[in-house]
Amino acid sequence: MRAVLLTGFGGPEKLEYREDVPAPQAGPGEVRIRVAAAAINNTDIWTREGAYGTPDDPADTAGWRREPLAFPRIQGADVVGRIDQVGPGVPSSRLGERVIVDPMLYTGGERELVDTEYLGSERDGGFAEHTTVPAGNAHAVESPLSDTELATFPTAYATAMRMLNRAQVRDGETVVVTGASGGVGSALIQLATSRGARVIAVTSAAKREQALQLGAHATVDRDSPDLHAAVLAEAGPVDVVADVVAGPAFAQLLRMLAPLGRYVVAGGIAGPLVETDLRTVYLRQLQLIGSSFGTHEDFAQLIGHIERGELTPLLAGTHPLRELREAQRAFTAKNFFGKLVITVEEAA
């Protein structure tokens, strides 16, 4: 089959397009999917770069679980396609199903999620003609959306759902969303708005209109010299900050929270090592909440939103499988709003 192999930690040159990779076979309790589309995530870039560090050395190279990664590896977590093979224990009636894949490979509850395997990291993913997953991770989906549109949802929207659930965002609350033009940020705008929250989107001036169209109450320029003051001028004290950026703005993000406010973080695009005055945290009795991938329950909740037509897919562009290197370069440039998707069903 055609696939792109990640051959080691490094730059895009570590991605090798091949047409002679053996196709996987569905094992017991598994299904094989003929992949139609698979989206790119920040996790793909950070995994390729080995950018997660280790517990002993933040600068060390490692996968997302902060441990060594096996190579070669086929990346691609956000998979949409059709089941073309079922393993022992899976009914043949599932053959032909159009599915969207929950990329979290764990059994159990929230504690097990923390140490989960991730499709495209600990197990080969969707930047290939075929991939296999546990049958329960392949969700039949009824939607008029295209395969490429559906592929914009899994990781970004489940991550956003997890953040909002962890922070217990409620109707009437004010939520600041950083990185609002990215996959998780744009998902946060839509999902928080669907709960009745008032969203203040932190984004660039060039992407302001898109954030407003998604439902943001107001936007703040991410390059504001005083981000704290700019947000307070638009919204007053904030109930929740949903952050995927961190970096130098971290202290200002905490300062804008009202007493008993909640800060939930699922990324550090601008830098994972931050400083703040802890008196802001304990005197204002703030909650600092870590969040990463969504649970199986979060993903099922997301499927409901998709099938009810409540979410707008933000497909910024597509690239064929053989152009994955160029697609990842375009992804890191961040000159788009939403998601970039790899199309796999193409002429060889």
C-alpha atoms as a PDB file:
ATOM      1  CA  MET A   1       0.000   0.000   0.000  1.00  0.00           C
ATOM      2  CA  ARG A   2       0.958   3.670  -0.260  1.00  0.00           C
ATOM      3  CA  ALA A   3       2.000   5.256   3.027  1.00  0.00           C
ATOM      4  CA  VAL A   4       4.274   7.901   4.499  1.00  0.00           C
ATOM      5  CA  LEU A   5       6.741   6.570   7.055  1.00  0.00           C
ATOM      6  CA  LEU A   6       8.207   8.682   9.843  1.00  0.00           C
ATOM      7  CA  THR A   7      11.746   7.288  10.025  1.00  0.00           C
ATOM      8  CA  GLY A   8      13.012   9.140  13.113  1.00  0.00           C
ATOM      9  CA  PHE A   9      12.883  12.377  15.093  1.00  0.00           C
ATOM     10  CA  GLY A  10      13.699  15.450  13.025  1.00  0.00           C
ATOM     11  CA  GLY A  11      12.401  17.705  10.266  1.00  0.00           C
ATOM     12  CA  PRO A  12      10.056  16.985   7.341  1.00  0.00           C
ATOM     13  CA  GLU A  13      12.902  15.104   5.640  1.00  0.00           C
ATOM     14  CA  LYS A  14      12.155  12.275   8.097  1.00  0.00           C
ATOM     15  CA  LEU A  15       8.867  11.636   6.247  1.00  0.00           C
ATOM     16  CA  GLU A  16       9.327   9.058   3.488  1.00  0.00           C
ATOM     17  CA  TYR A  17       6.606   8.402   0.890  1.00  0.00           C
ATOM     18  CA  ARG A  18       6.482   4.718  -0.119  1.00  0.00           C
ATOM     19  CA  GLU A  19       4.266   2.577  -2.342  1.00  0.00           C
ATOM     20  CA  ASP A  20       5.422  -0.841  -1.125  1.00  0.00           C
ATOM     21  CA  VAL A  21       4.397  -0.842   2.553  1.00  0.00           C
ATOM     22  CA  PRO A  22       2.611  -4.055   3.612  1.00  0.00           C
ATOM     23  CA  ALA A  23      -1.068  -3.441   4.334  1.00  0.00           C
ATOM     24  CA  PRO A  24      -2.091  -4.160   7.942  1.00  0.00           C
ATOM     25  CA  GLN A  25      -4.539  -6.932   8.766  1.00  0.00           C
ATOM     26  CA  ALA A  26      -7.380  -6.644  11.268  1.00  0.00           C
ATOM     27  CA  GLY A  27      -6.668  -8.642  14.413  1.00  0.00           C
ATOM     28  CA  PRO A  28      -9.162  -9.981  16.971  1.00  0.00           C
ATOM     29  CA  GLY A  29     -11.683  -7.292  17.904  1.00  0.00           C
ATOM     30  CA  GLU A  30     -10.322  -4.942  15.243  1.00  0.00           C
ATOM     31  CA  VAL A  31     -11.427  -3.427  11.955  1.00  0.00           C
ATOM     32  CA  ARG A  32      -9.369  -2.296   8.995  1.00  0.00           C
ATOM     33  CA  ILE A  33     -10.248   0.997   7.390  1.00  0.00           C
ATOM     34  CA  ARG A  34      -9.594   2.064   3.824  1.00  0.00           C
ATOM     35  CA  VAL A  35      -8.571   5.617   4.575  1.00  0.00           C
ATOM     36  CA  ALA A  36     -10.208   8.438   2.633  1.00  0.00           C
ATOM     37  CA  ALA A  37      -8.813  11.405   4.576  1.00  0.00           C
ATOM     38  CA  ALA A  38      -6.683  12.153   7.623  1.00  0.00           C
ATOM     39  CA  ALA A  39      -6.055  15.572   9.147  1.00  0.00           C
ATOM     40  CA  ILE A  40      -2.799  17.062  10.438  1.00  0.00           C
ATOM     41  CA  ASN A  41      -2.456  18.047  14.107  1.00  0.00           C
ATOM     42  CA  ASN A  42       0.120  19.839  16.213  1.00  0.00           C
ATOM     43  CA  THR A  43       0.764  16.436  17.793  1.00  0.00           C
ATOM     44  CA  ASP A  44       2.026  15.150  14.431  1.00  0.00           C
ATOM     45  CA  ILE A  45       4.605  17.949  14.286  1.00  0.00           C
ATOM     46  CA  TRP A  46       5.678  17.687  17.923  1.00  0.00           C
ATOM     47  CA  THR A  47       5.930  13.896  17.668  1.00  0.00           C
ATOM     48  CA  ARG A  48       8.055  14.134  14.520  1.00  0.00           C
ATOM     49  CA  GLU A  49      10.308  16.662  16.245  1.00  0.00           C
ATOM     50  CA  GLY A  50      10.375  14.644  19.489  1.00  0.00           C
ATOM     51  CA  ALA A  51       9.420  17.902  21.170  1.00  0.00           C
ATOM     52  CA  TYR A  52       7.730  16.573  24.303  1.00  0.00           C
ATOM     53  CA  GLY A  53      10.898  16.166  26.365  1.00  0.00           C
ATOM     54  CA  THR A  54      11.351  13.603  29.120  1.00  0.00           C
ATOM     55  CA  PRO A  55      10.581  13.935  32.834  1.00  0.00           C
ATOM     56  CA  ASP A  56      14.307  14.297  33.498  1.00  0.00           C
ATOM     57  CA  ASP A  57      15.133  16.651  30.607  1.00  0.00           C
ATOM     58  CA  PRO A  58      12.557  19.001  28.996  1.00  0.00           C
ATOM     59  CA  ALA A  59      14.898  19.424  26.020  1.00  0.00           C
ATOM     60  CA  ASP A  60      15.260  15.697  25.312  1.00  0.00           C
ATOM     61  CA  THR A  61      13.593  14.096  22.273  1.00  0.00           C
ATOM     62  CA  ALA A  62      10.641  11.816  22.984  1.00  0.00           C
ATOM     63  CA  GLY A  63       7.094  11.014  21.919  1.00  0.00           C
ATOM     64  CA  TRP A  64       3.989  12.469  23.556  1.00  0.00           C
ATOM     65  CA  ARG A  65       4.146   9.975  26.414  1.00  0.00           C
ATOM     66  CA  ARG A  66       7.621  11.406  27.136  1.00  0.00           C
ATOM     67  CA  GLU A  67       9.293   8.109  26.327  1.00  0.00           C
ATOM     68  CA  PRO A  68      11.055   6.630  23.258  1.00  0.00           C
ATOM     69  CA  LEU A  69       9.061   6.052  20.079  1.00  0.00           C
ATOM     70  CA  ALA A  70       9.351   3.045  17.739  1.00  0.00           C
ATOM     71  CA  PHE A  71      10.326   3.802  14.127  1.00  0.00           C
ATOM     72  CA  PRO A  72       9.330   3.629  11.388  1.00  0.00           C
ATOM     73  CA  ARG A  73       5.867   4.905  12.273  1.00  0.00           C
ATOM     74  CA  ILE A  74       2.893   5.948  10.155  1.00  0.00           C
ATOM     75  CA  GLN A  75       1.405   9.127  11.609  1.00  0.00           C
ATOM     76  CA  GLY A  76      -2.143  10.445  11.188  1.00  0.00           C
ATOM     77  CA  ALA A  77      -4.689  10.296  14.017  1.00  0.00           C
ATOM     78  CA  ASP A  78      -7.770  11.879  12.462  1.00  0.00           C
ATOM     79  CA  VAL A  79      -9.055   9.151  10.170  1.00  0.00           C
ATOM     80  CA  VAL A  80     -12.208   8.963   8.083  1.00  0.00           C
ATOM     81  CA  GLY A  81     -12.925   6.115   5.677  1.00  0.00           C
ATOM     82  CA  ARG A  82     -14.779   2.838   5.247  1.00  0.00           C
ATOM     83  CA  ILE A  83     -14.329  -0.503   6.967  1.00  0.00           C
ATOM     84  CA  ASP A  84     -13.037  -3.034   4.432  1.00  0.00           C
ATOM     85  CA  GLN A  85     -11.980  -5.878   6.747  1.00  0.00           C
ATOM     86  CA  VAL A  86     -13.129  -7.157  10.136  1.00  0.00           C
ATOM     87  CA  GLY A  87     -11.122  -9.277  12.555  1.00  0.00           C
ATOM     88  CA  PRO A  88     -12.319 -12.251  14.603  1.00  0.00           C
ATOM     89  CA  GLY A  89     -15.136 -11.263  16.956  1.00  0.00           C
ATOM     90  CA  VAL A  90     -16.359  -8.333  14.846  1.00  0.00           C
ATOM     91  CA  PRO A  91     -19.618  -8.822  12.897  1.00  0.00           C
ATOM     92  CA  SER A  92     -19.308  -8.809   9.120  1.00  0.00           C
ATOM     93  CA  SER A  93     -22.261  -6.407   9.029  1.00  0.00           C
ATOM     94  CA  ARG A  94     -19.765  -3.632   9.750  1.00  0.00           C
ATOM     95  CA  LEU A  95     -18.108  -4.071   6.353  1.00  0.00           C
ATOM     96  CA  GLY A  96     -18.641  -0.967   4.244  1.00  0.00           C
ATOM     97  CA  GLU A  97     -19.495   1.309   7.162  1.00  0.00           C
ATOM     98  CA  ARG A  98     -18.410   4.912   6.799  1.00  0.00           C
ATOM     99  CA  VAL A  99     -16.545   5.671  10.005  1.00  0.00           C
ATOM    100  CA  ILE A 100     -14.736   8.390  11.896  1.00  0.00           C
ATOM    101  CA  VAL A 101     -12.048   7.179  14.290  1.00  0.00           C
ATOM    102  CA  ASP A 102     -11.581   7.973  17.963  1.00  0.00           C
ATOM    103  CA  PRO A 103      -7.745   8.041  18.076  1.00  0.00           C
ATOM    104  CA  MET A 104      -7.404   7.325  21.803  1.00  0.00           C
ATOM    105  CA  LEU A 105      -6.363   3.687  22.229  1.00  0.00           C
ATOM    106  CA  TYR A 106      -7.132   2.797  25.844  1.00  0.00           C
ATOM    107  CA  THR A 107      -9.510   0.697  27.883  1.00  0.00           C
ATOM    108  CA  GLY A 108     -10.894   2.015  31.154  1.00  0.00           C
ATOM    109  CA  GLY A 109     -11.575   5.485  32.510  1.00  0.00           C
ATOM    110  CA  GLU A 110      -9.899   8.840  32.948  1.00  0.00           C
ATOM    111  CA  ARG A 111      -6.879   7.405  34.732  1.00  0.00           C
ATOM    112  CA  GLU A 112      -6.155   5.081  31.815  1.00  0.00           C
ATOM    113  CA  LEU A 113      -6.590   7.970  29.360  1.00  0.00           C
ATOM    114  CA  VAL A 114      -3.581   9.716  30.919  1.00  0.00           C
ATOM    115  CA  ASP A 115      -1.321   6.883  29.718  1.00  0.00           C
ATOM    116  CA  THR A 116      -3.205   6.114  26.528  1.00  0.00           C
ATOM    117  CA  GLU A 117      -1.668   5.087  23.252  1.00  0.00           C
ATOM    118  CA  TYR A 118      -2.455   7.470  20.403  1.00  0.00           C
ATOM    119  CA  LEU A 119      -3.140   6.529  16.809  1.00  0.00           C
ATOM    120  CA  GLY A 120      -0.203   7.648  14.678  1.00  0.00           C
ATOM    121  CA  SER A 121       2.153   7.684  17.656  1.00  0.00           C
ATOM    122  CA  GLU A 122       2.197   4.349  19.503  1.00  0.00           C
ATOM    123  CA  ARG A 123       0.296   2.636  16.674  1.00  0.00           C
ATOM    124  CA  ASP A 124       0.355   3.220  12.913  1.00  0.00           C
ATOM    125  CA  GLY A 125      -2.235   5.742  11.791  1.00  0.00           C
ATOM    126  CA  GLY A 126      -3.964   7.162   8.758  1.00  0.00           C
ATOM    127  CA  PHE A 127      -1.295   8.639   6.491  1.00  0.00           C
ATOM    128  CA  ALA A 128      -1.645   5.434   4.492  1.00  0.00           C
ATOM    129  CA  GLU A 129      -4.201   3.609   2.363  1.00  0.00           C
ATOM    130  CA  HIS A 130      -5.193   1.353   5.277  1.00  0.00           C
ATOM    131  CA  THR A 131      -5.068   1.407   9.046  1.00  0.00           C
ATOM    132  CA  THR A 132      -6.443  -0.857  11.767  1.00  0.00           C
ATOM    133  CA  VAL A 133      -8.059   0.099  15.084  1.00  0.00           C
ATOM    134  CA  PRO A 134     -10.106  -1.581  17.812  1.00  0.00           C
ATOM    135  CA  ALA A 135     -13.664  -1.914  16.513  1.00  0.00           C
ATOM    136  CA  GLY A 136     -15.028   0.306  19.297  1.00  0.00           C
ATOM    137  CA  ASN A 137     -12.841   3.194  18.140  1.00  0.00           C
ATOM    138  CA  ALA A 138     -14.402   3.221  14.666  1.00  0.00           C
ATOM    139  CA  HIS A 139     -17.691   5.135  14.943  1.00  0.00           C
ATOM    140  CA  ALA A 140     -20.260   4.823  12.183  1.00  0.00           C
ATOM    141  CA  VAL A 141     -21.272   8.359  11.247  1.00  0.00           C
ATOM    142  CA  GLU A 142     -24.345   9.666   9.444  1.00  0.00           C
ATOM    143  CA  SER A 143     -23.534  13.058   7.977  1.00  0.00           C
ATOM    144  CA  PRO A 144     -23.784  14.910   4.653  1.00  0.00           C
ATOM    145  CA  LEU A 145     -20.282  16.300   5.255  1.00  0.00           C
ATOM    146  CA  SER A 146     -17.451  15.151   2.989  1.00  0.00           C
ATOM    147  CA  ASP A 147     -14.701  12.836   4.187  1.00  0.00           C
ATOM    148  CA  THR A 148     -12.221  15.716   4.278  1.00  0.00           C
ATOM    149  CA  GLU A 149     -14.634  17.831   6.303  1.00  0.00           C
ATOM    150  CA  LEU A 150     -15.249  15.038   8.804  1.00  0.00           C
ATOM    151  CA  ALA A 151     -11.500  14.535   9.201  1.00  0.00           C
ATOM    152  CA  THR A 152     -11.200  18.041  10.685  1.00  0.00           C
ATOM    153  CA  PHE A 153     -13.004  16.921  13.848  1.00  0.00           C
ATOM    154  CA  PRO A 154     -11.452  14.046  15.841  1.00  0.00           C
ATOM    155  CA  THR A 155      -8.397  15.222  17.780  1.00  0.00           C
ATOM    156  CA  ALA A 156      -9.048  18.958  17.797  1.00  0.00           C
ATOM    157  CA  TYR A 157     -12.717  18.815  18.761  1.00  0.00           C
ATOM    158  CA  ALA A 158     -12.375  15.968  21.252  1.00  0.00           C
ATOM    159  CA  THR A 159      -9.489  17.862  22.876  1.00  0.00           C
ATOM    160  CA  ALA A 160     -11.643  20.981  23.060  1.00  0.00           C
ATOM    161  CA  MET A 161     -14.565  18.986  24.467  1.00  0.00           C
ATOM    162  CA  ARG A 162     -12.296  17.543  27.140  1.00  0.00           C
ATOM    163  CA  MET A 163     -11.043  21.021  28.086  1.00  0.00           C
ATOM    164  CA  LEU A 164     -14.559  22.393  28.464  1.00  0.00           C
ATOM    165  CA  ASN A 165     -15.742  19.356  30.408  1.00  0.00           C
ATOM    166  CA  ARG A 166     -12.697  19.440  32.700  1.00  0.00           C
ATOM    167  CA  ALA A 167     -13.272  23.146  33.368  1.00  0.00           C
ATOM    168  CA  GLN A 168     -17.040  22.610  33.762  1.00  0.00           C
ATOM    169  CA  VAL A 169     -17.927  25.481  31.450  1.00  0.00           C
ATOM    170  CA  ARG A 170     -21.531  26.513  31.928  1.00  0.00           C
ATOM    171  CA  ASP A 171     -24.212  28.662  30.341  1.00  0.00           C
ATOM    172  CA  GLY A 172     -23.622  32.381  30.878  1.00  0.00           C
ATOM    173  CA  GLU A 173     -19.903  32.156  31.667  1.00  0.00           C
ATOM    174  CA  THR A 174     -17.193  34.141  29.918  1.00  0.00           C
ATOM    175  CA  VAL A 175     -14.467  32.039  28.306  1.00  0.00           C
ATOM    176  CA  VAL A 176     -11.223  33.321  26.794  1.00  0.00           C
ATOM    177  CA  VAL A 177      -9.899  31.086  24.009  1.00  0.00           C
ATOM    178  CA  THR A 178      -6.274  31.423  22.901  1.00  0.00           C
ATOM    179  CA  GLY A 179      -4.987  30.170  19.569  1.00  0.00           C
ATOM    180  CA  ALA A 180      -8.489  30.750  18.268  1.00  0.00           C
ATOM    181  CA  SER A 181      -7.602  30.281  14.594  1.00  0.00           C
ATOM    182  CA  GLY A 182      -6.158  26.796  15.107  1.00  0.00           C
ATOM    183  CA  GLY A 183      -7.940  23.464  15.172  1.00  0.00           C
ATOM    184  CA  VAL A 184      -8.492  23.253  18.938  1.00  0.00           C
ATOM    185  CA  GLY A 185      -9.109  26.985  19.320  1.00  0.00           C
ATOM    186  CA  SER A 186     -11.770  27.136  16.619  1.00  0.00           C
ATOM    187  CA  ALA A 187     -13.372  24.020  18.110  1.00  0.00           C
ATOM    188  CA  LEU A 188     -13.416  25.676  21.534  1.00  0.00           C
ATOM    189  CA  ILE A 189     -15.258  28.679  20.113  1.00  0.00           C
ATOM    190  CA  GLN A 190     -18.015  26.519  18.643  1.00  0.00           C
ATOM    191  CA  LEU A 191     -18.380  24.084  21.537  1.00  0.00           C
ATOM    192  CA  ALA A 192     -18.289  26.753  24.257  1.00  0.00           C
ATOM    193  CA  THR A 193     -20.825  28.869  22.375  1.00  0.00           C
ATOM    194  CA  SER A 194     -23.099  25.825  22.048  1.00  0.00           C
ATOM    195  CA  ARG A 195     -23.145  25.690  25.877  1.00  0.00           C
ATOM    196  CA  GLY A 196     -24.287  29.292  26.114  1.00  0.00           C
ATOM    197  CA  ALA A 197     -20.886  30.688  27.090  1.00  0.00           C
ATOM    198  CA  ARG A 198     -19.666  34.081  25.899  1.00  0.00           C
ATOM    199  CA  VAL A 199     -16.366  33.575  24.061  1.00  0.00           C
ATOM    200  CA  ILE A 200     -13.532  36.093  23.743  1.00  0.00           C
ATOM    201  CA  ALA A 201     -11.193  34.824  21.021  1.00  0.00           C
ATOM    202  CA  VAL A 202      -7.507  35.702  21.081  1.00  0.00           C
ATOM    203  CA  THR A 203      -6.265  35.636  17.501  1.00  0.00           C
ATOM    204  CA  SER A 204      -4.524  37.729  14.854  1.00  0.00           C
ATOM    205  CA  ALA A 205      -6.223  40.767  13.340  1.00  0.00           C
ATOM    206  CA  ALA A 206      -6.253  38.996   9.959  1.00  0.00           C
ATOM    207  CA  LYS A 207      -8.342  36.119  11.358  1.00  0.00           C
ATOM    208  CA  ARG A 208     -10.718  38.181  13.481  1.00  0.00           C
ATOM    209  CA  GLU A 209     -13.733  37.866  11.161  1.00  0.00           C
ATOM    210  CA  GLN A 210     -13.556  34.075  11.005  1.00  0.00           C
ATOM    211  CA  ALA A 211     -13.617  33.861  14.803  1.00  0.00           C
ATOM    212  CA  LEU A 212     -16.656  36.124  14.974  1.00  0.00           C
ATOM    213  CA  GLN A 213     -18.451  34.079  12.316  1.00  0.00           C
ATOM    214  CA  LEU A 214     -17.936  30.959  14.438  1.00  0.00           C
ATOM    215  CA  GLY A 215     -19.759  32.599  17.320  1.00  0.00           C
ATOM    216  CA  ALA A 216     -17.149  34.517  19.310  1.00  0.00           C
ATOM    217  CA  HIS A 217     -18.653  37.479  21.183  1.00  0.00           C
ATOM    218  CA  ALA A 218     -15.510  39.532  20.598  1.00  0.00           C
ATOM    219  CA  THR A 219     -11.879  39.138  19.615  1.00  0.00           C
ATOM    220  CA  VAL A 220      -8.616  40.464  21.020  1.00  0.00           C
ATOM    221  CA  ASP A 221      -5.446  40.822  18.984  1.00  0.00           C
ATOM    222  CA  ARG A 222      -2.874  38.314  20.197  1.00  0.00           C
ATOM    223  CA  ASP A 223      -0.168  40.960  19.671  1.00  0.00           C
ATOM    224  CA  SER A 224      -1.806  43.483  22.036  1.00  0.00           C
ATOM    225  CA  PRO A 225       0.913  45.097  24.181  1.00  0.00           C
ATOM    226  CA  ASP A 226      -1.240  44.450  27.268  1.00  0.00           C
ATOM    227  CA  LEU A 227      -3.340  41.352  26.633  1.00  0.00           C
ATOM    228  CA  HIS A 228      -4.760  41.399  30.158  1.00  0.00           C
ATOM    229  CA  ALA A 229      -6.101  44.951  29.769  1.00  0.00           C
ATOM    230  CA  ALA A 230      -7.400  44.291  26.252  1.00  0.00           C
ATOM    231  CA  VAL A 231      -9.457  41.286  27.390  1.00  0.00           C
ATOM    232  CA  LEU A 232     -10.839  43.057  30.464  1.00  0.00           C
ATOM    233  CA  ALA A 233     -11.896  45.991  28.267  1.00  0.00           C
ATOM    234  CA  GLU A 234     -13.950  43.600  26.111  1.00  0.00           C
ATOM    235  CA  ALA A 235     -15.277  41.200  28.708  1.00  0.00           C
ATOM    236  CA  GLY A 236     -14.587  42.223  32.288  1.00  0.00           C
ATOM    237  CA  PRO A 237     -13.339  39.482  34.646  1.00  0.00           C
ATOM    238  CA  VAL A 238     -13.199  36.061  33.017  1.00  0.00           C
ATOM    239  CA  ASP A 239     -14.585  32.761  34.357  1.00  0.00           C
ATOM    240  CA  VAL A 240     -12.444  30.395  32.279  1.00  0.00           C
ATOM    241  CA  VAL A 241      -9.301  30.663  30.181  1.00  0.00           C
ATOM    242  CA  ALA A 242      -8.974  27.786  27.680  1.00  0.00           C
ATOM    243  CA  ASP A 243      -5.357  27.933  26.589  1.00  0.00           C
ATOM    244  CA  VAL A 244      -3.299  26.116  23.969  1.00  0.00           C
ATOM    245  CA  VAL A 245      -0.620  28.799  23.593  1.00  0.00           C
ATOM    246  CA  ALA A 246       0.980  29.463  27.032  1.00  0.00           C
ATOM    247  CA  GLY A 247       4.449  31.016  26.623  1.00  0.00           C
ATOM    248  CA  PRO A 248       5.094  34.631  27.688  1.00  0.00           C
ATOM    249  CA  ALA A 249       1.349  35.422  27.969  1.00  0.00           C
ATOM    250  CA  PHE A 250       0.776  32.866  30.752  1.00  0.00           C
ATOM    251  CA  ALA A 251       0.954  35.330  33.654  1.00  0.00           C
ATOM    252  CA  GLN A 252      -1.445  37.735  31.916  1.00  0.00           C
ATOM    253  CA  LEU A 253      -3.913  34.935  31.235  1.00  0.00           C
ATOM    254  CA  LEU A 254      -4.061  34.095  34.935  1.00  0.00           C
ATOM    255  CA  ARG A 255      -4.430  37.751  35.930  1.00  0.00           C
ATOM    256  CA  MET A 256      -7.561  38.187  33.806  1.00  0.00           C
ATOM    257  CA  LEU A 257      -9.414  35.459  35.708  1.00  0.00           C
ATOM    258  CA  ALA A 258     -12.059  36.442  38.244  1.00  0.00           C
ATOM    259  CA  PRO A 259     -11.773  35.028  41.786  1.00  0.00           C
ATOM    260  CA  LEU A 260     -12.398  31.263  41.689  1.00  0.00           C
ATOM    261  CA  GLY A 261     -11.697  31.294  37.960  1.00  0.00           C
ATOM    262  CA  ARG A 262     -10.439  28.253  36.088  1.00  0.00           C
ATOM    263  CA  TYR A 263      -7.451  28.021  33.747  1.00  0.00           C
ATOM    264  CA  VAL A 264      -7.404  24.898  31.571  1.00  0.00           C
ATOM    265  CA  VAL A 265      -4.461  24.130  29.300  1.00  0.00           C
ATOM    266  CA  ALA A 266      -3.952  21.540  26.555  1.00  0.00           C
ATOM    267  CA  GLY A 267      -0.901  22.889  24.734  1.00  0.00           C
ATOM    268  CA  GLY A 268       2.029  25.276  24.773  1.00  0.00           C
ATOM    269  CA  ILE A 269       2.482  26.495  21.195  1.00  0.00           C
ATOM    270  CA  ALA A 270       4.333  29.627  22.310  1.00  0.00           C
ATOM    271  CA  GLY A 271       6.436  27.724  24.843  1.00  0.00           C
ATOM    272  CA  PRO A 272       5.754  25.139  27.565  1.00  0.00           C
ATOM    273  CA  LEU A 273       8.054  26.660  30.201  1.00  0.00           C
ATOM    274  CA  VAL A 274       6.273  29.578  31.883  1.00  0.00           C
ATOM    275  CA  GLU A 275       6.540  31.946  34.843  1.00  0.00           C
ATOM    276  CA  THR A 276       3.910  33.529  37.049  1.00  0.00           C
ATOM    277  CA  ASP A 277       3.376  34.996  40.494  1.00  0.00           C
ATOM    278  CA  LEU A 278       1.830  32.179  42.516  1.00  0.00           C
ATOM    279  CA  ARG A 279       0.144  34.749  44.747  1.00  0.00           C
ATOM    280  CA  THR A 280      -2.211  35.322  41.821  1.00  0.00           C
ATOM    281  CA  VAL A 281      -3.186  31.664  42.053  1.00  0.00           C
ATOM    282  CA  TYR A 282      -3.653  31.218  45.768  1.00  0.00           C
ATOM    283  CA  LEU A 283      -4.964  34.645  46.784  1.00  0.00           C
ATOM    284  CA  ARG A 284      -7.611  34.564  44.057  1.00  0.00           C
ATOM    285  CA  GLN A 285      -8.226  30.832  44.641  1.00  0.00           C
ATOM    286  CA  LEU A 286      -7.806  29.900  40.993  1.00  0.00           C
ATOM    287  CA  GLN A 287      -7.879  26.397  39.578  1.00  0.00           C
ATOM    288  CA  LEU A 288      -5.116  25.289  37.190  1.00  0.00           C
ATOM    289  CA  ILE A 289      -6.364  22.329  35.141  1.00  0.00           C
ATOM    290  CA  GLY A 290      -4.327  20.131  32.847  1.00  0.00           C
ATOM    291  CA  SER A 291      -6.071  18.511  29.916  1.00  0.00           C
ATOM    292  CA  SER A 292      -4.907  16.602  26.882  1.00  0.00           C
ATOM    293  CA  PHE A 293      -6.857  14.223  24.686  1.00  0.00           C
ATOM    294  CA  GLY A 294     -10.570  13.511  24.931  1.00  0.00           C
ATOM    295  CA  THR A 295     -12.065  10.455  26.591  1.00  0.00           C
ATOM    296  CA  HIS A 296     -14.203   7.944  24.719  1.00  0.00           C
ATOM    297  CA  GLU A 297     -17.201   9.648  26.347  1.00  0.00           C
ATOM    298  CA  ASP A 298     -16.067  13.058  25.072  1.00  0.00           C
ATOM    299  CA  PHE A 299     -15.740  11.583  21.587  1.00  0.00           C
ATOM    300  CA  ALA A 300     -19.233  10.087  21.691  1.00  0.00           C
ATOM    301  CA  GLN A 301     -20.534  13.504  22.761  1.00  0.00           C
ATOM    302  CA  LEU A 302     -18.737  15.018  19.767  1.00  0.00           C
ATOM    303  CA  ILE A 303     -20.325  12.513  17.363  1.00  0.00           C
ATOM    304  CA  GLY A 304     -23.737  13.688  18.566  1.00  0.00           C
ATOM    305  CA  HIS A 305     -22.903  17.298  17.700  1.00  0.00           C
ATOM    306  CA  ILE A 306     -21.658  16.241  14.247  1.00  0.00           C
ATOM    307  CA  GLU A 307     -24.706  14.139  13.387  1.00  0.00           C
ATOM    308  CA  ARG A 308     -27.054  16.913  14.513  1.00  0.00           C
ATOM    309  CA  GLY A 309     -25.260  19.346  12.196  1.00  0.00           C
ATOM    310  CA  GLU A 310     -24.288  21.655  15.053  1.00  0.00           C
ATOM    311  CA  LEU A 311     -20.639  22.158  14.105  1.00  0.00           C
ATOM    312  CA  THR A 312     -18.993  23.905  11.181  1.00  0.00           C
ATOM    313  CA  PRO A 313     -16.035  21.994   9.717  1.00  0.00           C
ATOM    314  CA  LEU A 314     -13.133  24.338   9.090  1.00  0.00           C
ATOM    315  CA  LEU A 315     -11.346  22.789   6.144  1.00  0.00           C
ATOM    316  CA  ALA A 316      -8.538  25.190   5.299  1.00  0.00           C
ATOM    317  CA  GLY A 317      -6.975  23.064   2.553  1.00  0.00           C
ATOM    318  CA  THR A 318      -6.108  19.578   1.325  1.00  0.00           C
ATOM    319  CA  HIS A 319      -2.918  17.873   0.142  1.00  0.00           C
ATOM    320  CA  PRO A 320      -2.480  14.442  -1.450  1.00  0.00           C
ATOM    321  CA  LEU A 321      -0.677  11.783   0.579  1.00  0.00           C
ATOM    322  CA  ARG A 322       2.553  12.031  -1.374  1.00  0.00           C
ATOM    323  CA  GLU A 323       2.797  15.728  -0.399  1.00  0.00           C
ATOM    324  CA  LEU A 324       2.722  15.182   3.376  1.00  0.00           C
ATOM    325  CA  ARG A 325       6.115  16.849   3.833  1.00  0.00           C
ATOM    326  CA  GLU A 326       4.890  20.022   2.121  1.00  0.00           C
ATOM    327  CA  ALA A 327       1.602  19.855   4.026  1.00  0.00           C
ATOM    328  CA  GLN A 328       3.395  19.712   7.388  1.00  0.00           C
ATOM    329  CA  ARG A 329       5.555  22.689   6.354  1.00  0.00           C
ATOM    330  CA  ALA A 330       2.392  24.619   5.477  1.00  0.00           C
ATOM    331  CA  PHE A 331       0.859  23.574   8.793  1.00  0.00           C
ATOM    332  CA  THR A 332       3.767  24.959  10.821  1.00  0.00           C
ATOM    333  CA  ALA A 333       3.572  28.282   8.934  1.00  0.00           C
ATOM    334  CA  LYS A 334       0.068  28.791  10.441  1.00  0.00           C
ATOM    335  CA  ASN A 335      -1.159  30.940   7.540  1.00  0.00           C
ATOM    336  CA  PHE A 336      -4.617  29.397   7.597  1.00  0.00           C
ATOM    337  CA  PHE A 337      -7.768  29.155   9.741  1.00  0.00           C
ATOM    338  CA  GLY A 338      -8.922  25.673  10.723  1.00  0.00           C
ATOM    339  CA  LYS A 339      -7.413  22.372   9.568  1.00  0.00           C
ATOM    340  CA  LEU A 340      -5.270  20.965   6.771  1.00  0.00           C
ATOM    341  CA  VAL A 341      -6.263  17.480   5.605  1.00  0.00           C
ATOM    342  CA  ILE A 342      -4.414  14.754   3.720  1.00  0.00           C
ATOM    343  CA  THR A 343      -6.460  13.018   1.028  1.00  0.00           C
ATOM    344  CA  VAL A 344      -5.584   9.358   0.631  1.00  0.00           C
ATOM    345  CA  GLU A 345      -8.007   7.998  -1.962  1.00  0.00           C
ATOM    346  CA  GLU A 346      -6.193   9.163  -5.090  1.00  0.00           C
ATOM    347  CA  ALA A 347      -4.669   7.662  -8.164  1.00  0.00           C
ATOM    348  CA  ALA A 348      -1.412   5.927  -7.316  1.00  0.00           C
END
